[in-house]
């Protein structure tokens, strides 16, 4: 079941890459399409931070649950929850401001500034809802 789901996910990703990317490039242009991977890559780096917090704590929580140490596992869970929540709370406003005010070093194609702000904001919100 897991292998089948992973294969299906892989096949859908390939289909999107082969068919949807040329469609987006045709309708947005090369410069406009370049903003899409830029926004998603930025959010992927944020995902690394939450993974760096949750993966080790998840390991220790699993070890505690295996030993039937529920209180210890609960402490690990709470630590992961509050550390991730704190990270998300601290970064939300600055990242939202970056989405709407932009970055001085980021060259956004003329006429696409508002679209990039919307794209970055929506990507940020999806990241926060996912985590």
N, C-alpha and C. Protein backbone atom coordinates (compact mmCIF):
# COMPACT_ATOMS: atom_id res chain seq x y z
N UNK A 1 0.83 -1.19 0.00
CA UNK A 1 0.00 0.00 0.00
C UNK A 1 0.87 1.25 0.00
N UNK A 2 1.88 1.30 0.89
CA UNK A 2 2.75 2.46 0.97
C UNK A 2 3.58 2.60 -0.31
N UNK A 3 4.08 1.49 -0.83
CA UNK A 3 4.86 1.52 -2.06
C UNK A 3 4.00 2.01 -3.21
N UNK A 4 2.76 1.53 -3.28
CA UNK A 4 1.84 1.96 -4.34
C UNK A 4 1.54 3.45 -4.24
N UNK A 5 1.35 3.95 -3.04
CA UNK A 5 1.09 5.37 -2.86
C UNK A 5 2.27 6.22 -3.26
N UNK A 6 3.47 5.76 -2.90
CA UNK A 6 4.68 6.50 -3.28
C UNK A 6 4.89 6.48 -4.79
N UNK A 7 4.64 5.35 -5.42
CA UNK A 7 4.76 5.28 -6.88
C UNK A 7 3.74 6.18 -7.56
N UNK A 8 2.53 6.19 -7.07
CA UNK A 8 1.50 7.07 -7.63
C UNK A 8 1.89 8.54 -7.47
N UNK A 9 2.39 8.88 -6.30
CA UNK A 9 2.85 10.25 -6.06
C UNK A 9 3.97 10.62 -7.03
N UNK A 10 4.91 9.72 -7.25
CA UNK A 10 6.01 9.94 -8.18
C UNK A 10 5.50 10.13 -9.61
N UNK A 11 4.56 9.30 -10.02
CA UNK A 11 4.02 9.39 -11.38
C UNK A 11 3.25 10.70 -11.58
N UNK A 12 2.49 11.12 -10.59
CA UNK A 12 1.75 12.38 -10.70
C UNK A 12 2.73 13.54 -10.77
N UNK A 13 3.79 13.50 -9.99
CA UNK A 13 4.80 14.56 -10.04
C UNK A 13 5.46 14.65 -11.40
N UNK A 14 5.74 13.51 -12.01
CA UNK A 14 6.32 13.50 -13.35
C UNK A 14 5.32 14.05 -14.36
N UNK A 15 4.06 13.63 -14.26
CA UNK A 15 3.03 14.13 -15.19
C UNK A 15 2.86 15.64 -15.07
N UNK A 16 2.87 16.15 -13.85
CA UNK A 16 2.76 17.59 -13.65
C UNK A 16 3.97 18.29 -14.26
N UNK A 17 5.14 17.74 -14.05
CA UNK A 17 6.35 18.35 -14.59
C UNK A 17 6.37 18.36 -16.11
N UNK A 18 5.90 17.29 -16.72
CA UNK A 18 5.95 17.17 -18.18
C UNK A 18 4.85 17.98 -18.86
N UNK A 19 3.65 17.97 -18.30
CA UNK A 19 2.53 18.61 -18.99
C UNK A 19 2.17 19.99 -18.46
N UNK A 20 2.23 20.18 -17.16
CA UNK A 20 1.76 21.44 -16.58
C UNK A 20 2.81 22.54 -16.67
N UNK A 21 4.09 22.18 -16.56
CA UNK A 21 5.15 23.19 -16.63
C UNK A 21 5.16 23.93 -17.96
N UNK A 22 5.12 23.24 -19.11
CA UNK A 22 5.06 23.99 -20.37
C UNK A 22 3.83 24.89 -20.48
N UNK A 23 2.71 24.43 -19.93
CA UNK A 23 1.49 25.24 -19.93
C UNK A 23 1.72 26.53 -19.15
N UNK A 24 2.32 26.41 -17.97
CA UNK A 24 2.58 27.59 -17.15
C UNK A 24 3.58 28.53 -17.82
N UNK A 25 4.62 27.97 -18.41
CA UNK A 25 5.61 28.81 -19.10
C UNK A 25 4.97 29.54 -20.27
N UNK A 26 4.09 28.87 -21.00
CA UNK A 26 3.40 29.50 -22.12
C UNK A 26 2.50 30.65 -21.66
N UNK A 27 1.81 30.47 -20.55
CA UNK A 27 0.86 31.48 -20.09
C UNK A 27 1.49 32.56 -19.20
N UNK A 28 2.54 32.21 -18.46
CA UNK A 28 3.17 33.18 -17.55
C UNK A 28 4.44 33.79 -18.11
N UNK A 29 5.07 33.10 -19.04
CA UNK A 29 6.38 33.51 -19.51
C UNK A 29 7.45 32.89 -18.65
N UNK A 30 8.66 32.91 -19.16
CA UNK A 30 9.76 32.27 -18.44
C UNK A 30 10.02 32.98 -17.11
N UNK A 31 10.05 34.32 -17.14
CA UNK A 31 10.32 35.07 -15.91
C UNK A 31 9.20 34.89 -14.89
N UNK A 32 7.96 34.89 -15.36
CA UNK A 32 6.84 34.71 -14.44
C UNK A 32 6.82 33.32 -13.84
N UNK A 33 7.12 32.31 -14.67
CA UNK A 33 7.15 30.94 -14.15
C UNK A 33 8.28 30.77 -13.15
N UNK A 34 9.38 31.47 -13.32
CA UNK A 34 10.51 31.36 -12.42
C UNK A 34 10.17 31.75 -10.99
N UNK A 35 9.13 32.53 -10.82
CA UNK A 35 8.72 32.94 -9.47
C UNK A 35 8.05 31.80 -8.70
N UNK A 36 7.43 30.86 -9.44
CA UNK A 36 6.74 29.76 -8.77
C UNK A 36 7.73 28.86 -8.03
N UNK A 37 8.77 28.34 -8.70
CA UNK A 37 9.73 27.53 -7.94
C UNK A 37 10.47 28.32 -6.87
N UNK A 38 10.65 29.62 -7.11
CA UNK A 38 11.32 30.46 -6.11
C UNK A 38 10.51 30.48 -4.82
N UNK A 39 9.21 30.70 -4.92
CA UNK A 39 8.35 30.75 -3.73
C UNK A 39 8.30 29.40 -3.04
N UNK A 40 8.16 28.33 -3.81
CA UNK A 40 8.07 27.01 -3.18
C UNK A 40 9.41 26.57 -2.59
N UNK A 41 10.52 26.97 -3.21
CA UNK A 41 11.84 26.63 -2.65
C UNK A 41 12.06 27.33 -1.32
N UNK A 42 11.64 28.57 -1.24
CA UNK A 42 11.79 29.31 0.01
C UNK A 42 11.02 28.63 1.13
N UNK A 43 9.83 28.16 0.84
CA UNK A 43 9.04 27.48 1.86
C UNK A 43 9.62 26.11 2.19
N UNK A 44 10.29 25.49 1.23
CA UNK A 44 10.94 24.21 1.52
C UNK A 44 12.07 24.38 2.53
N UNK A 45 12.77 25.51 2.45
CA UNK A 45 13.81 25.77 3.45
C UNK A 45 13.21 25.94 4.83
N UNK A 46 12.05 26.56 4.91
CA UNK A 46 11.37 26.65 6.20
C UNK A 46 10.96 25.27 6.70
N UNK A 47 10.57 24.41 5.78
CA UNK A 47 10.21 23.04 6.14
C UNK A 47 11.38 22.29 6.74
N UNK A 48 12.59 22.61 6.30
CA UNK A 48 13.78 21.97 6.88
C UNK A 48 13.91 22.32 8.36
N UNK A 49 13.56 23.56 8.71
CA UNK A 49 13.64 23.95 10.12
C UNK A 49 12.68 23.14 10.98
N UNK A 50 11.45 22.99 10.51
CA UNK A 50 10.48 22.22 11.31
C UNK A 50 10.86 20.75 11.36
N UNK A 51 11.43 20.23 10.27
CA UNK A 51 11.90 18.84 10.28
C UNK A 51 13.06 18.66 11.24
N UNK A 52 13.94 19.65 11.28
CA UNK A 52 15.08 19.58 12.21
C UNK A 52 14.62 19.55 13.66
N UNK A 53 13.50 20.16 13.94
CA UNK A 53 12.96 20.14 15.30
C UNK A 53 12.22 18.83 15.56
N UNK A 54 11.36 18.44 14.64
CA UNK A 54 10.44 17.34 14.90
C UNK A 54 11.06 15.95 14.74
N UNK A 55 11.99 15.77 13.82
CA UNK A 55 12.53 14.43 13.57
C UNK A 55 13.24 13.84 14.79
N UNK A 56 14.18 14.57 15.39
CA UNK A 56 14.83 13.96 16.57
C UNK A 56 13.87 13.74 17.73
N UNK A 57 12.98 14.70 17.94
CA UNK A 57 12.04 14.53 19.05
C UNK A 57 11.07 13.38 18.77
N UNK A 58 10.69 13.20 17.51
CA UNK A 58 9.83 12.07 17.15
C UNK A 58 10.50 10.74 17.41
N UNK A 59 11.80 10.68 17.16
CA UNK A 59 12.56 9.46 17.42
C UNK A 59 12.53 9.12 18.90
N UNK A 60 12.83 10.12 19.73
CA UNK A 60 12.86 9.87 21.18
C UNK A 60 11.46 9.60 21.72
N UNK A 61 10.46 10.22 21.13
CA UNK A 61 9.09 9.96 21.56
C UNK A 61 8.71 8.51 21.24
N UNK A 62 9.10 8.03 20.06
CA UNK A 62 8.81 6.65 19.69
C UNK A 62 9.53 5.67 20.61
N UNK A 63 10.78 5.98 20.95
CA UNK A 63 11.51 5.11 21.87
C UNK A 63 10.83 5.07 23.23
N UNK A 64 10.35 6.21 23.71
CA UNK A 64 9.68 6.25 25.00
C UNK A 64 8.36 5.47 24.96
N UNK A 65 7.63 5.60 23.87
CA UNK A 65 6.37 4.85 23.74
C UNK A 65 6.62 3.35 23.68
N UNK A 66 7.71 2.95 23.04
CA UNK A 66 8.06 1.53 22.96
C UNK A 66 8.33 0.97 24.36
N UNK A 67 8.91 1.80 25.21
CA UNK A 67 9.20 1.38 26.59
C UNK A 67 8.01 1.61 27.52
N UNK A 68 6.90 2.05 26.96
CA UNK A 68 5.67 2.31 27.73
C UNK A 68 5.85 3.46 28.72
N UNK A 69 6.74 4.39 28.41
CA UNK A 69 6.96 5.57 29.25
C UNK A 69 6.12 6.72 28.68
N UNK A 70 4.85 6.70 29.00
CA UNK A 70 3.90 7.63 28.43
C UNK A 70 4.21 9.07 28.82
N UNK A 71 4.57 9.31 30.06
CA UNK A 71 4.85 10.68 30.51
C UNK A 71 6.08 11.26 29.80
N UNK A 72 7.10 10.45 29.59
CA UNK A 72 8.30 10.91 28.88
C UNK A 72 7.94 11.21 27.42
N UNK A 73 7.18 10.33 26.80
CA UNK A 73 6.75 10.55 25.42
C UNK A 73 5.91 11.82 25.31
N UNK A 74 5.06 12.04 26.31
CA UNK A 74 4.23 13.24 26.32
C UNK A 74 5.10 14.50 26.40
N UNK A 75 6.17 14.44 27.18
CA UNK A 75 7.09 15.59 27.27
C UNK A 75 7.77 15.86 25.93
N UNK A 76 8.19 14.79 25.25
CA UNK A 76 8.80 14.97 23.93
C UNK A 76 7.80 15.56 22.94
N UNK A 77 6.58 15.06 22.99
CA UNK A 77 5.54 15.58 22.09
C UNK A 77 5.29 17.05 22.36
N UNK A 78 5.14 17.40 23.62
CA UNK A 78 4.90 18.81 23.97
C UNK A 78 6.06 19.70 23.57
N UNK A 79 7.28 19.20 23.73
CA UNK A 79 8.45 19.97 23.32
C UNK A 79 8.43 20.23 21.82
N UNK A 80 8.15 19.19 21.04
CA UNK A 80 8.08 19.35 19.58
C UNK A 80 6.95 20.30 19.19
N UNK A 81 5.81 20.13 19.84
CA UNK A 81 4.65 20.99 19.51
C UNK A 81 4.94 22.45 19.80
N UNK A 82 5.45 22.74 20.99
CA UNK A 82 5.68 24.13 21.36
C UNK A 82 6.89 24.74 20.63
N UNK A 83 7.89 23.94 20.35
CA UNK A 83 9.03 24.46 19.58
C UNK A 83 8.60 24.82 18.16
N UNK A 84 7.83 23.94 17.53
CA UNK A 84 7.34 24.23 16.18
C UNK A 84 6.37 25.40 16.20
N UNK A 85 5.48 25.43 17.17
CA UNK A 85 4.53 26.55 17.27
C UNK A 85 5.26 27.86 17.50
N UNK A 86 6.29 27.84 18.35
CA UNK A 86 7.07 29.05 18.59
C UNK A 86 7.79 29.53 17.34
N UNK A 87 8.40 28.59 16.61
CA UNK A 87 9.08 28.94 15.37
C UNK A 87 8.11 29.55 14.37
N UNK A 88 6.95 28.94 14.23
CA UNK A 88 5.95 29.45 13.30
C UNK A 88 5.44 30.82 13.74
N UNK A 89 5.23 31.00 15.03
CA UNK A 89 4.73 32.29 15.52
C UNK A 89 5.76 33.40 15.34
N UNK A 90 7.02 33.09 15.59
CA UNK A 90 8.07 34.09 15.47
C UNK A 90 8.30 34.50 14.02
N UNK A 91 8.18 33.55 13.11
CA UNK A 91 8.50 33.85 11.71
C UNK A 91 7.31 34.33 10.89
N UNK A 92 6.10 34.22 11.40
CA UNK A 92 4.93 34.53 10.58
C UNK A 92 4.90 35.98 10.13
N UNK A 93 4.97 36.92 11.04
CA UNK A 93 4.85 38.34 10.68
C UNK A 93 6.01 38.79 9.79
N UNK A 94 7.28 38.47 10.13
CA UNK A 94 8.35 38.89 9.22
C UNK A 94 8.21 38.31 7.81
N UNK A 95 7.82 37.03 7.73
CA UNK A 95 7.66 36.43 6.40
C UNK A 95 6.48 37.03 5.65
N UNK A 96 5.42 37.35 6.36
CA UNK A 96 4.28 37.99 5.71
C UNK A 96 4.67 39.37 5.19
N UNK A 97 5.46 40.10 5.95
CA UNK A 97 5.95 41.41 5.48
C UNK A 97 6.84 41.26 4.26
N UNK A 98 7.68 40.24 4.26
CA UNK A 98 8.53 39.99 3.09
C UNK A 98 7.67 39.68 1.87
N UNK A 99 6.60 38.91 2.08
CA UNK A 99 5.72 38.57 0.97
C UNK A 99 5.09 39.82 0.37
N UNK A 100 4.71 40.76 1.20
CA UNK A 100 3.99 41.93 0.71
C UNK A 100 4.90 43.10 0.38
N UNK A 101 6.01 43.24 1.04
CA UNK A 101 6.92 44.36 0.76
C UNK A 101 8.04 43.95 -0.18
N UNK A 102 8.27 42.66 -0.32
CA UNK A 102 9.32 42.18 -1.19
C UNK A 102 10.69 42.29 -0.57
N UNK A 103 11.63 41.85 -1.31
CA UNK A 103 13.02 41.91 -0.89
C UNK A 103 13.75 42.83 -1.85
N UNK A 104 14.64 43.66 -1.32
CA UNK A 104 15.37 44.58 -2.16
C UNK A 104 16.28 43.88 -3.16
N UNK A 105 16.81 42.73 -2.81
CA UNK A 105 17.74 42.02 -3.68
C UNK A 105 17.03 41.10 -4.68
N UNK A 106 15.71 40.94 -4.53
CA UNK A 106 14.96 40.06 -5.42
C UNK A 106 14.39 40.88 -6.57
N UNK A 107 14.77 40.54 -7.77
CA UNK A 107 14.29 41.25 -8.96
C UNK A 107 13.04 40.55 -9.49
N UNK A 108 11.90 41.16 -9.23
CA UNK A 108 10.64 40.61 -9.70
C UNK A 108 10.31 41.30 -11.02
N UNK A 109 9.90 40.54 -12.05
CA UNK A 109 9.59 41.16 -13.33
C UNK A 109 8.52 42.24 -13.19
N UNK A 110 8.70 43.31 -13.96
CA UNK A 110 7.76 44.42 -13.91
C UNK A 110 6.35 43.94 -14.25
N UNK A 111 5.40 44.44 -13.49
CA UNK A 111 4.00 44.06 -13.69
C UNK A 111 3.59 42.81 -12.96
N UNK A 112 4.54 42.11 -12.33
CA UNK A 112 4.22 40.86 -11.63
C UNK A 112 4.43 40.98 -10.13
N UNK A 113 4.64 42.19 -9.63
CA UNK A 113 4.90 42.36 -8.21
C UNK A 113 3.72 41.93 -7.36
N UNK A 114 2.51 42.35 -7.75
CA UNK A 114 1.33 41.99 -6.94
C UNK A 114 1.03 40.50 -7.06
N UNK A 115 1.23 39.92 -8.24
CA UNK A 115 1.00 38.49 -8.39
C UNK A 115 1.99 37.68 -7.55
N UNK A 116 3.25 38.16 -7.50
CA UNK A 116 4.23 37.45 -6.68
C UNK A 116 3.87 37.56 -5.20
N UNK A 117 3.38 38.72 -4.78
CA UNK A 117 2.97 38.88 -3.39
C UNK A 117 1.85 37.91 -3.04
N UNK A 118 0.89 37.78 -3.94
CA UNK A 118 -0.22 36.84 -3.70
C UNK A 118 0.30 35.41 -3.68
N UNK A 119 1.16 35.06 -4.64
CA UNK A 119 1.72 33.71 -4.70
C UNK A 119 2.51 33.39 -3.43
N UNK A 120 3.37 34.31 -3.03
CA UNK A 120 4.20 34.08 -1.83
C UNK A 120 3.34 33.97 -0.59
N UNK A 121 2.31 34.81 -0.49
CA UNK A 121 1.42 34.77 0.68
C UNK A 121 0.65 33.46 0.73
N UNK A 122 0.12 33.03 -0.40
CA UNK A 122 -0.63 31.77 -0.43
C UNK A 122 0.29 30.58 -0.12
N UNK A 123 1.51 30.61 -0.65
CA UNK A 123 2.47 29.55 -0.36
C UNK A 123 2.81 29.53 1.13
N UNK A 124 2.99 30.71 1.70
CA UNK A 124 3.28 30.82 3.13
C UNK A 124 2.11 30.28 3.96
N UNK A 125 0.90 30.65 3.60
CA UNK A 125 -0.27 30.18 4.35
C UNK A 125 -0.42 28.66 4.26
N UNK A 126 -0.17 28.10 3.08
CA UNK A 126 -0.24 26.64 2.93
C UNK A 126 0.81 25.98 3.80
N UNK A 127 2.02 26.55 3.84
CA UNK A 127 3.07 26.01 4.70
C UNK A 127 2.64 26.02 6.16
N UNK A 128 2.08 27.15 6.60
CA UNK A 128 1.67 27.27 8.01
C UNK A 128 0.50 26.35 8.33
N UNK A 129 -0.42 26.19 7.40
CA UNK A 129 -1.54 25.28 7.65
C UNK A 129 -1.08 23.82 7.66
N UNK A 130 -0.09 23.52 6.87
CA UNK A 130 0.45 22.15 6.80
C UNK A 130 1.22 21.80 8.06
N UNK A 131 1.92 22.77 8.62
CA UNK A 131 2.72 22.50 9.80
C UNK A 131 1.94 22.86 11.03
